[in-house]
Amino acid sequence: MNTAEVVKKLIPLLGGVENIASATHCATRLRLVLHDDTKGDKVAIDRLDSVKGCFANAGQFQIIFGTGLVNEIYDEFIKETDIEQRSKSEVNSIASQKQNIIQRCATL
């Protein structure tokens, strides 16, 4: 499956474009902040070709693609969703707003 196909299948499994608050990536993972994490279908996302796993942590929904591939997926994801590109620190800041006060203090 090519990256465009993966992204087109991924978006509805995240609750659609309207559920995606922001996106970035690190060396291996697509890192997303969703408005409603419960709309992210982890089981279905895990079954997509090229996905090596996914989980929610610290207000972020992270999908593991691996080194190199994640860059291509991210570029296609931004193109398909028209979401503003963000740095990892910007996404971390947005994600922290979803955490309760105790969680936010623990990350300081």
N, C-alpha and C. Protein backbone atom coordinates (compact mmCIF):
# COMPACT_ATOMS: atom_id res chain seq x y z
N MET A 1 0.85 -1.18 0.00
CA MET A 1 0.00 0.00 0.00
C MET A 1 0.90 1.24 0.00
N ASN A 2 0.57 2.21 -0.83
CA ASN A 2 1.38 3.43 -0.86
C ASN A 2 0.93 4.40 0.23
N THR A 3 1.73 5.43 0.44
CA THR A 3 1.46 6.35 1.55
C THR A 3 0.13 7.07 1.41
N ALA A 4 -0.26 7.43 0.19
CA ALA A 4 -1.53 8.12 -0.01
C ALA A 4 -2.70 7.22 0.40
N GLU A 5 -2.62 5.93 0.07
CA GLU A 5 -3.67 5.00 0.45
C GLU A 5 -3.74 4.83 1.96
N VAL A 6 -2.58 4.73 2.61
CA VAL A 6 -2.53 4.59 4.07
C VAL A 6 -3.19 5.80 4.72
N VAL A 7 -2.84 6.98 4.29
CA VAL A 7 -3.38 8.22 4.87
C VAL A 7 -4.89 8.31 4.64
N LYS A 8 -5.35 7.97 3.44
CA LYS A 8 -6.79 8.04 3.16
C LYS A 8 -7.58 7.06 4.02
N LYS A 9 -7.00 5.94 4.36
CA LYS A 9 -7.66 4.98 5.25
C LYS A 9 -7.54 5.40 6.71
N LEU A 10 -6.45 6.07 7.04
CA LEU A 10 -6.17 6.47 8.42
C LEU A 10 -7.11 7.59 8.91
N ILE A 11 -7.34 8.57 8.10
CA ILE A 11 -8.10 9.76 8.52
C ILE A 11 -9.48 9.41 9.11
N PRO A 12 -10.31 8.60 8.44
CA PRO A 12 -11.60 8.28 9.05
C PRO A 12 -11.47 7.48 10.35
N LEU A 13 -10.39 6.71 10.48
CA LEU A 13 -10.17 5.92 11.70
C LEU A 13 -9.75 6.80 12.88
N LEU A 14 -9.41 8.06 12.59
CA LEU A 14 -9.08 9.03 13.63
C LEU A 14 -10.28 9.91 13.98
N GLY A 15 -11.41 9.63 13.38
CA GLY A 15 -12.61 10.44 13.62
C GLY A 15 -12.79 11.53 12.59
N GLY A 16 -12.04 11.48 11.51
CA GLY A 16 -12.15 12.47 10.44
C GLY A 16 -11.26 13.69 10.69
N VAL A 17 -11.11 14.48 9.66
CA VAL A 17 -10.26 15.68 9.73
C VAL A 17 -10.71 16.60 10.85
N GLU A 18 -12.02 16.70 11.05
CA GLU A 18 -12.55 17.61 12.08
C GLU A 18 -12.16 17.20 13.50
N ASN A 19 -11.70 15.98 13.68
CA ASN A 19 -11.29 15.51 15.01
C ASN A 19 -9.80 15.68 15.25
N ILE A 20 -9.06 16.11 14.27
CA ILE A 20 -7.60 16.23 14.38
C ILE A 20 -7.24 17.68 14.70
N ALA A 21 -6.70 17.90 15.91
CA ALA A 21 -6.35 19.25 16.35
C ALA A 21 -4.98 19.67 15.82
N SER A 22 -4.02 18.75 15.82
CA SER A 22 -2.68 19.08 15.32
C SER A 22 -1.91 17.80 15.03
N ALA A 23 -0.81 17.97 14.29
CA ALA A 23 -0.01 16.82 13.89
C ALA A 23 1.46 17.20 13.80
N THR A 24 2.31 16.27 14.15
CA THR A 24 3.75 16.38 13.95
C THR A 24 4.28 14.95 13.87
N HIS A 25 5.58 14.81 13.83
CA HIS A 25 6.16 13.48 13.86
C HIS A 25 7.54 13.53 14.48
N CYS A 26 7.98 12.38 14.97
CA CYS A 26 9.35 12.23 15.45
C CYS A 26 10.02 11.26 14.48
N ALA A 27 11.07 10.61 14.90
CA ALA A 27 11.82 9.72 14.01
C ALA A 27 11.02 8.50 13.56
N THR A 28 10.09 8.05 14.38
CA THR A 28 9.36 6.81 14.05
C THR A 28 7.85 6.93 14.11
N ARG A 29 7.31 7.98 14.73
CA ARG A 29 5.87 8.06 15.01
C ARG A 29 5.21 9.31 14.46
N LEU A 30 3.99 9.12 13.99
CA LEU A 30 3.11 10.24 13.68
C LEU A 30 2.46 10.61 15.00
N ARG A 31 2.58 11.85 15.43
CA ARG A 31 2.08 12.30 16.73
C ARG A 31 0.94 13.28 16.51
N LEU A 32 -0.24 12.90 16.99
CA LEU A 32 -1.44 13.68 16.75
C LEU A 32 -2.09 14.09 18.07
N VAL A 33 -2.75 15.21 18.05
CA VAL A 33 -3.64 15.59 19.14
C VAL A 33 -5.03 15.55 18.54
N LEU A 34 -5.87 14.71 19.12
CA LEU A 34 -7.26 14.59 18.67
C LEU A 34 -8.16 15.36 19.63
N HIS A 35 -9.19 15.94 19.10
CA HIS A 35 -10.17 16.61 19.97
C HIS A 35 -10.83 15.60 20.89
N ASP A 36 -11.14 14.41 20.34
CA ASP A 36 -11.78 13.35 21.11
C ASP A 36 -11.03 12.05 20.86
N ASP A 37 -10.20 11.64 21.81
CA ASP A 37 -9.38 10.43 21.66
C ASP A 37 -10.23 9.17 21.47
N THR A 38 -11.45 9.17 21.98
CA THR A 38 -12.29 7.98 21.87
C THR A 38 -12.71 7.70 20.43
N LYS A 39 -12.58 8.68 19.55
CA LYS A 39 -12.92 8.48 18.14
C LYS A 39 -11.79 7.81 17.37
N GLY A 40 -10.62 7.69 17.98
CA GLY A 40 -9.49 7.00 17.35
C GLY A 40 -9.66 5.51 17.51
N ASP A 41 -9.78 4.79 16.40
CA ASP A 41 -10.01 3.34 16.41
C ASP A 41 -8.65 2.61 16.40
N LYS A 42 -8.09 2.39 17.58
CA LYS A 42 -6.76 1.79 17.70
C LYS A 42 -6.67 0.42 17.05
N VAL A 43 -7.69 -0.39 17.22
CA VAL A 43 -7.66 -1.75 16.65
C VAL A 43 -7.59 -1.70 15.13
N ALA A 44 -8.44 -0.88 14.51
CA ALA A 44 -8.45 -0.76 13.06
C ALA A 44 -7.16 -0.12 12.54
N ILE A 45 -6.64 0.87 13.26
CA ILE A 45 -5.40 1.52 12.85
C ILE A 45 -4.25 0.52 12.90
N ASP A 46 -4.20 -0.30 13.94
CA ASP A 46 -3.15 -1.33 14.05
C ASP A 46 -3.17 -2.29 12.87
N ARG A 47 -4.32 -2.48 12.26
CA ARG A 47 -4.45 -3.42 11.15
C ARG A 47 -4.03 -2.84 9.80
N LEU A 48 -3.85 -1.52 9.73
CA LEU A 48 -3.45 -0.90 8.46
C LEU A 48 -2.05 -1.35 8.06
N ASP A 49 -1.87 -1.53 6.75
CA ASP A 49 -0.53 -1.82 6.25
C ASP A 49 0.41 -0.70 6.66
N SER A 50 1.61 -1.03 6.99
CA SER A 50 2.68 -0.10 7.36
C SER A 50 2.63 0.35 8.81
N VAL A 51 1.51 0.18 9.51
CA VAL A 51 1.41 0.59 10.91
C VAL A 51 2.00 -0.51 11.79
N LYS A 52 2.90 -0.10 12.67
CA LYS A 52 3.55 -1.05 13.56
C LYS A 52 2.98 -1.00 14.97
N GLY A 53 2.01 -0.12 15.20
CA GLY A 53 1.37 0.00 16.49
C GLY A 53 0.85 1.41 16.70
N CYS A 54 -0.03 1.56 17.68
CA CYS A 54 -0.51 2.89 18.04
C CYS A 54 -0.96 2.89 19.49
N PHE A 55 -0.90 4.07 20.09
CA PHE A 55 -1.28 4.21 21.49
C PHE A 55 -1.52 5.68 21.79
N ALA A 56 -2.22 5.94 22.89
CA ALA A 56 -2.43 7.31 23.36
C ALA A 56 -1.57 7.50 24.60
N ASN A 57 -0.88 8.64 24.66
CA ASN A 57 -0.02 8.93 25.80
C ASN A 57 0.13 10.44 25.94
N ALA A 58 -0.06 10.94 27.15
CA ALA A 58 0.16 12.35 27.48
C ALA A 58 -0.58 13.29 26.54
N GLY A 59 -1.83 12.93 26.20
CA GLY A 59 -2.64 13.79 25.36
C GLY A 59 -2.38 13.66 23.87
N GLN A 60 -1.48 12.75 23.50
CA GLN A 60 -1.17 12.54 22.09
C GLN A 60 -1.59 11.14 21.65
N PHE A 61 -2.04 11.04 20.42
CA PHE A 61 -2.34 9.77 19.79
C PHE A 61 -1.16 9.50 18.86
N GLN A 62 -0.40 8.46 19.15
CA GLN A 62 0.83 8.20 18.41
C GLN A 62 0.70 6.93 17.58
N ILE A 63 1.09 7.02 16.31
CA ILE A 63 1.04 5.89 15.40
C ILE A 63 2.45 5.60 14.92
N ILE A 64 2.91 4.39 15.14
CA ILE A 64 4.28 4.00 14.81
C ILE A 64 4.34 3.51 13.36
N PHE A 65 5.20 4.14 12.57
CA PHE A 65 5.45 3.73 11.18
C PHE A 65 6.89 3.29 10.98
N GLY A 66 7.80 3.85 11.73
CA GLY A 66 9.21 3.51 11.57
C GLY A 66 9.98 4.63 10.88
N THR A 67 11.28 4.55 11.02
CA THR A 67 12.19 5.55 10.47
C THR A 67 12.05 5.64 8.95
N GLY A 68 12.03 6.87 8.46
CA GLY A 68 11.93 7.11 7.02
C GLY A 68 10.50 7.13 6.53
N LEU A 69 9.75 6.06 6.77
CA LEU A 69 8.36 5.99 6.31
C LEU A 69 7.50 7.05 6.99
N VAL A 70 7.74 7.33 8.25
CA VAL A 70 6.91 8.31 8.96
C VAL A 70 7.01 9.69 8.30
N ASN A 71 8.16 10.03 7.75
CA ASN A 71 8.32 11.33 7.06
C ASN A 71 7.39 11.40 5.85
N GLU A 72 7.34 10.31 5.07
CA GLU A 72 6.48 10.27 3.89
C GLU A 72 5.01 10.31 4.29
N ILE A 73 4.65 9.55 5.33
CA ILE A 73 3.26 9.53 5.81
C ILE A 73 2.87 10.92 6.30
N TYR A 74 3.75 11.57 7.06
CA TYR A 74 3.45 12.90 7.59
C TYR A 74 3.22 13.90 6.45
N ASP A 75 4.10 13.90 5.46
CA ASP A 75 3.95 14.82 4.33
C ASP A 75 2.61 14.61 3.63
N GLU A 76 2.25 13.37 3.40
CA GLU A 76 0.98 13.05 2.75
C GLU A 76 -0.20 13.41 3.66
N PHE A 77 -0.05 13.19 4.96
CA PHE A 77 -1.09 13.49 5.94
C PHE A 77 -1.39 14.99 5.95
N ILE A 78 -0.35 15.80 5.96
CA ILE A 78 -0.51 17.26 5.95
C ILE A 78 -1.17 17.71 4.65
N LYS A 79 -0.74 17.13 3.55
CA LYS A 79 -1.32 17.47 2.25
C LYS A 79 -2.80 17.09 2.19
N GLU A 80 -3.14 15.93 2.67
CA GLU A 80 -4.53 15.43 2.61
C GLU A 80 -5.46 16.16 3.57
N THR A 81 -4.98 16.50 4.76
CA THR A 81 -5.84 17.11 5.78
C THR A 81 -5.79 18.62 5.78
N ASP A 82 -4.75 19.20 5.19
CA ASP A 82 -4.55 20.64 5.17
C ASP A 82 -4.39 21.20 6.60
N ILE A 83 -3.89 20.37 7.50
CA ILE A 83 -3.62 20.80 8.87
C ILE A 83 -2.28 21.54 8.88
N GLU A 84 -2.20 22.60 9.65
CA GLU A 84 -0.98 23.39 9.76
C GLU A 84 0.14 22.53 10.36
N GLN A 85 1.31 22.58 9.74
CA GLN A 85 2.45 21.85 10.28
C GLN A 85 2.87 22.44 11.61
N ARG A 86 3.18 21.59 12.55
CA ARG A 86 3.58 22.01 13.90
C ARG A 86 4.86 21.31 14.30
N SER A 87 5.62 21.95 15.17
CA SER A 87 6.81 21.32 15.73
C SER A 87 6.39 20.35 16.84
N LYS A 88 7.30 19.49 17.21
CA LYS A 88 7.02 18.54 18.29
C LYS A 88 6.70 19.28 19.59
N SER A 89 7.41 20.36 19.88
CA SER A 89 7.16 21.11 21.11
C SER A 89 5.79 21.80 21.07
N GLU A 90 5.37 22.28 19.90
CA GLU A 90 4.04 22.89 19.79
C GLU A 90 2.94 21.85 20.04
N VAL A 91 3.11 20.66 19.47
CA VAL A 91 2.11 19.61 19.67
C VAL A 91 2.10 19.17 21.13
N ASN A 92 3.28 19.08 21.75
CA ASN A 92 3.34 18.73 23.18
C ASN A 92 2.57 19.76 24.01
N SER A 93 2.71 21.03 23.67
CA SER A 93 2.02 22.09 24.39
C SER A 93 0.51 21.98 24.21
N ILE A 94 0.06 21.72 22.99
CA ILE A 94 -1.37 21.55 22.72
C ILE A 94 -1.90 20.33 23.47
N ALA A 95 -1.15 19.24 23.43
CA ALA A 95 -1.56 18.00 24.09
C ALA A 95 -1.65 18.19 25.60
N SER A 96 -0.76 18.99 26.16
CA SER A 96 -0.77 19.17 27.62
C SER A 96 -2.05 19.85 28.10
N GLN A 97 -2.69 20.62 27.23
CA GLN A 97 -3.94 21.28 27.60
C GLN A 97 -5.07 20.28 27.84
N LYS A 98 -4.91 19.07 27.29
CA LYS A 98 -5.93 18.02 27.47
C LYS A 98 -5.75 17.28 28.79
N GLN A 99 -4.60 17.46 29.42
CA GLN A 99 -4.31 16.73 30.65
C GLN A 99 -4.87 17.47 31.86
N ASN A 100 -5.12 16.71 32.93
CA ASN A 100 -5.58 17.36 34.15
C ASN A 100 -4.38 18.04 34.84
N ILE A 101 -4.63 18.80 35.85
CA ILE A 101 -3.59 19.61 36.51
C ILE A 101 -2.46 18.75 37.07
N ILE A 102 -2.77 17.59 37.61
CA ILE A 102 -1.74 16.71 38.16
C ILE A 102 -0.83 16.20 37.05
N GLN A 103 -1.40 15.80 35.93
CA GLN A 103 -0.59 15.34 34.80
C GLN A 103 0.28 16.44 34.27
N ARG A 104 -0.25 17.66 34.17
CA ARG A 104 0.53 18.79 33.67
C ARG A 104 1.71 19.10 34.58
N CYS A 105 1.50 19.05 35.89
CA CYS A 105 2.57 19.33 36.84
C CYS A 105 3.66 18.25 36.79
N ALA A 106 3.27 17.02 36.52
CA ALA A 106 4.23 15.91 36.47
C ALA A 106 5.19 16.05 35.30
N THR A 107 4.77 16.76 34.23
CA THR A 107 5.62 16.90 33.06
C THR A 107 6.52 18.13 33.12
N LEU A 108 6.39 18.92 34.17
CA LEU A 108 7.24 20.13 34.32
C LEU A 108 8.63 19.78 34.75
